[in-house]
Amino acid sequence: MYEYKGEERRTREALSEEEIEIIAERAAEKAMLKLTNQLYQEVGKGVISKLLYLAGIVTIAAWAWMHNNGWLK
């Protein structure tokens, strides 16, 4: 693999333990937010799906009732 042979470009030493901990905490918070949002989206999709299913059943039942009672011909 290619090895850089020029001047050192890094301006600081490695990250301290405290900086690593801060970065890890931020990453964990972002991951939790992402998972929570995905969970809410899945729950929302399920609720919407069930509501549309129920609306379809009610519509078909109303049509059948109207048809049997002479409202529709």
C-alpha atoms as a PDB file:
ATOM      1  CA  MET A   1       0.000   0.000   0.000  1.00  0.00           C
ATOM      2  CA  TYR A   2       1.073   3.609  -0.511  1.00  0.00           C
ATOM      3  CA  GLU A   3       3.053   5.109   2.352  1.00  0.00           C
ATOM      4  CA  TYR A   4       3.173   8.868   2.831  1.00  0.00           C
ATOM      5  CA  LYS A   5       6.755  10.133   3.044  1.00  0.00           C
ATOM      6  CA  GLY A   6       6.190  13.878   3.414  1.00  0.00           C
ATOM      7  CA  GLU A   7       5.962  16.141   6.434  1.00  0.00           C
ATOM      8  CA  GLU A   8       3.785  15.231   9.388  1.00  0.00           C
ATOM      9  CA  ARG A   9       0.359  16.847   8.854  1.00  0.00           C
ATOM     10  CA  ARG A  10      -1.298  15.990  12.137  1.00  0.00           C
ATOM     11  CA  THR A  11      -1.531  18.990  14.405  1.00  0.00           C
ATOM     12  CA  ARG A  12      -2.434  17.231  17.637  1.00  0.00           C
ATOM     13  CA  GLU A  13      -1.886  13.994  19.468  1.00  0.00           C
ATOM     14  CA  ALA A  14      -4.470  11.225  19.761  1.00  0.00           C
ATOM     15  CA  LEU A  15      -7.806  11.855  21.449  1.00  0.00           C
ATOM     16  CA  SER A  16      -7.914  11.803  25.214  1.00  0.00           C
ATOM     17  CA  GLU A  17     -10.095   9.340  27.131  1.00  0.00           C
ATOM     18  CA  GLU A  18     -12.481  12.150  28.020  1.00  0.00           C
ATOM     19  CA  GLU A  19     -12.884  13.187  24.366  1.00  0.00           C
ATOM     20  CA  ILE A  20     -13.445   9.580  23.335  1.00  0.00           C
ATOM     21  CA  GLU A  21     -16.116   9.229  26.040  1.00  0.00           C
ATOM     22  CA  ILE A  22     -17.895  12.397  24.870  1.00  0.00           C
ATOM     23  CA  ILE A  23     -17.887  11.180  21.264  1.00  0.00           C
ATOM     24  CA  ALA A  24     -19.184   7.762  22.322  1.00  0.00           C
ATOM     25  CA  GLU A  25     -22.012   9.326  24.352  1.00  0.00           C
ATOM     26  CA  ARG A  26     -23.058  11.518  21.425  1.00  0.00           C
ATOM     27  CA  ALA A  27     -23.010   8.533  19.082  1.00  0.00           C
ATOM     28  CA  ALA A  28     -25.107   6.494  21.509  1.00  0.00           C
ATOM     29  CA  GLU A  29     -27.652   9.316  21.855  1.00  0.00           C
ATOM     30  CA  LYS A  30     -27.956   9.647  18.077  1.00  0.00           C
ATOM     31  CA  ALA A  31     -28.361   5.885  17.715  1.00  0.00           C
ATOM     32  CA  MET A  32     -31.126   5.829  20.338  1.00  0.00           C
ATOM     33  CA  LEU A  33     -32.943   8.716  18.641  1.00  0.00           C
ATOM     34  CA  LYS A  34     -32.717   6.943  15.299  1.00  0.00           C
ATOM     35  CA  LEU A  35     -34.037   3.677  16.744  1.00  0.00           C
ATOM     36  CA  THR A  36     -36.846   5.485  18.558  1.00  0.00           C
ATOM     37  CA  ASN A  37     -37.877   7.310  15.396  1.00  0.00           C
ATOM     38  CA  GLN A  38     -37.874   4.051  13.438  1.00  0.00           C
ATOM     39  CA  LEU A  39     -40.018   2.411  16.118  1.00  0.00           C
ATOM     40  CA  TYR A  40     -42.533   5.265  16.022  1.00  0.00           C
ATOM     41  CA  GLN A  41     -42.660   5.068  12.224  1.00  0.00           C
ATOM     42  CA  GLU A  42     -43.360   1.331  12.311  1.00  0.00           C
ATOM     43  CA  VAL A  43     -46.065   1.763  14.953  1.00  0.00           C
ATOM     44  CA  GLY A  44     -47.590   4.596  12.926  1.00  0.00           C
ATOM     45  CA  LYS A  45     -47.631   2.485   9.778  1.00  0.00           C
ATOM     46  CA  GLY A  46     -49.386  -0.307  11.670  1.00  0.00           C
ATOM     47  CA  VAL A  47     -52.010   2.039  13.084  1.00  0.00           C
ATOM     48  CA  ILE A  48     -52.692   3.647   9.690  1.00  0.00           C
ATOM     49  CA  SER A  49     -52.938   0.226   8.060  1.00  0.00           C
ATOM     50  CA  LYS A  50     -55.462  -0.967  10.629  1.00  0.00           C
ATOM     51  CA  LEU A  51     -57.511   2.227  10.328  1.00  0.00           C
ATOM     52  CA  LEU A  52     -57.671   1.901   6.539  1.00  0.00           C
ATOM     53  CA  TYR A  53     -58.696  -1.755   6.879  1.00  0.00           C
ATOM     54  CA  LEU A  54     -61.444  -0.774   9.317  1.00  0.00           C
ATOM     55  CA  ALA A  55     -62.615   2.053   7.017  1.00  0.00           C
ATOM     56  CA  GLY A  56     -62.861  -0.433   4.150  1.00  0.00           C
ATOM     57  CA  ILE A  57     -64.931  -2.854   6.217  1.00  0.00           C
ATOM     58  CA  VAL A  58     -67.270  -0.053   7.358  1.00  0.00           C
ATOM     59  CA  THR A  59     -67.677   1.173   3.780  1.00  0.00           C
ATOM     60  CA  ILE A  60     -68.532  -2.297   2.485  1.00  0.00           C
ATOM     61  CA  ALA A  61     -70.957  -2.874   5.384  1.00  0.00           C
ATOM     62  CA  ALA A  62     -72.663   0.479   4.742  1.00  0.00           C
ATOM     63  CA  TRP A  63     -72.955  -0.296   1.024  1.00  0.00           C
ATOM     64  CA  ALA A  64     -74.447  -3.736   1.755  1.00  0.00           C
ATOM     65  CA  TRP A  65     -76.925  -2.279   4.262  1.00  0.00           C
ATOM     66  CA  MET A  66     -78.004   0.487   1.846  1.00  0.00           C
ATOM     67  CA  HIS A  67     -78.345  -2.008  -0.967  1.00  0.00           C
ATOM     68  CA  ASN A  68     -80.485  -4.385   1.132  1.00  0.00           C
ATOM     69  CA  ASN A  69     -82.728  -1.573   2.376  1.00  0.00           C
ATOM     70  CA  GLY A  70     -83.418  -0.168  -1.087  1.00  0.00           C
ATOM     71  CA  TRP A  71     -81.282   2.971  -0.875  1.00  0.00           C
ATOM     72  CA  LEU A  72     -79.124   1.759  -3.746  1.00  0.00           C
ATOM     73  CA  LYS A  73     -80.355   0.059  -6.887  1.00  0.00           C
END
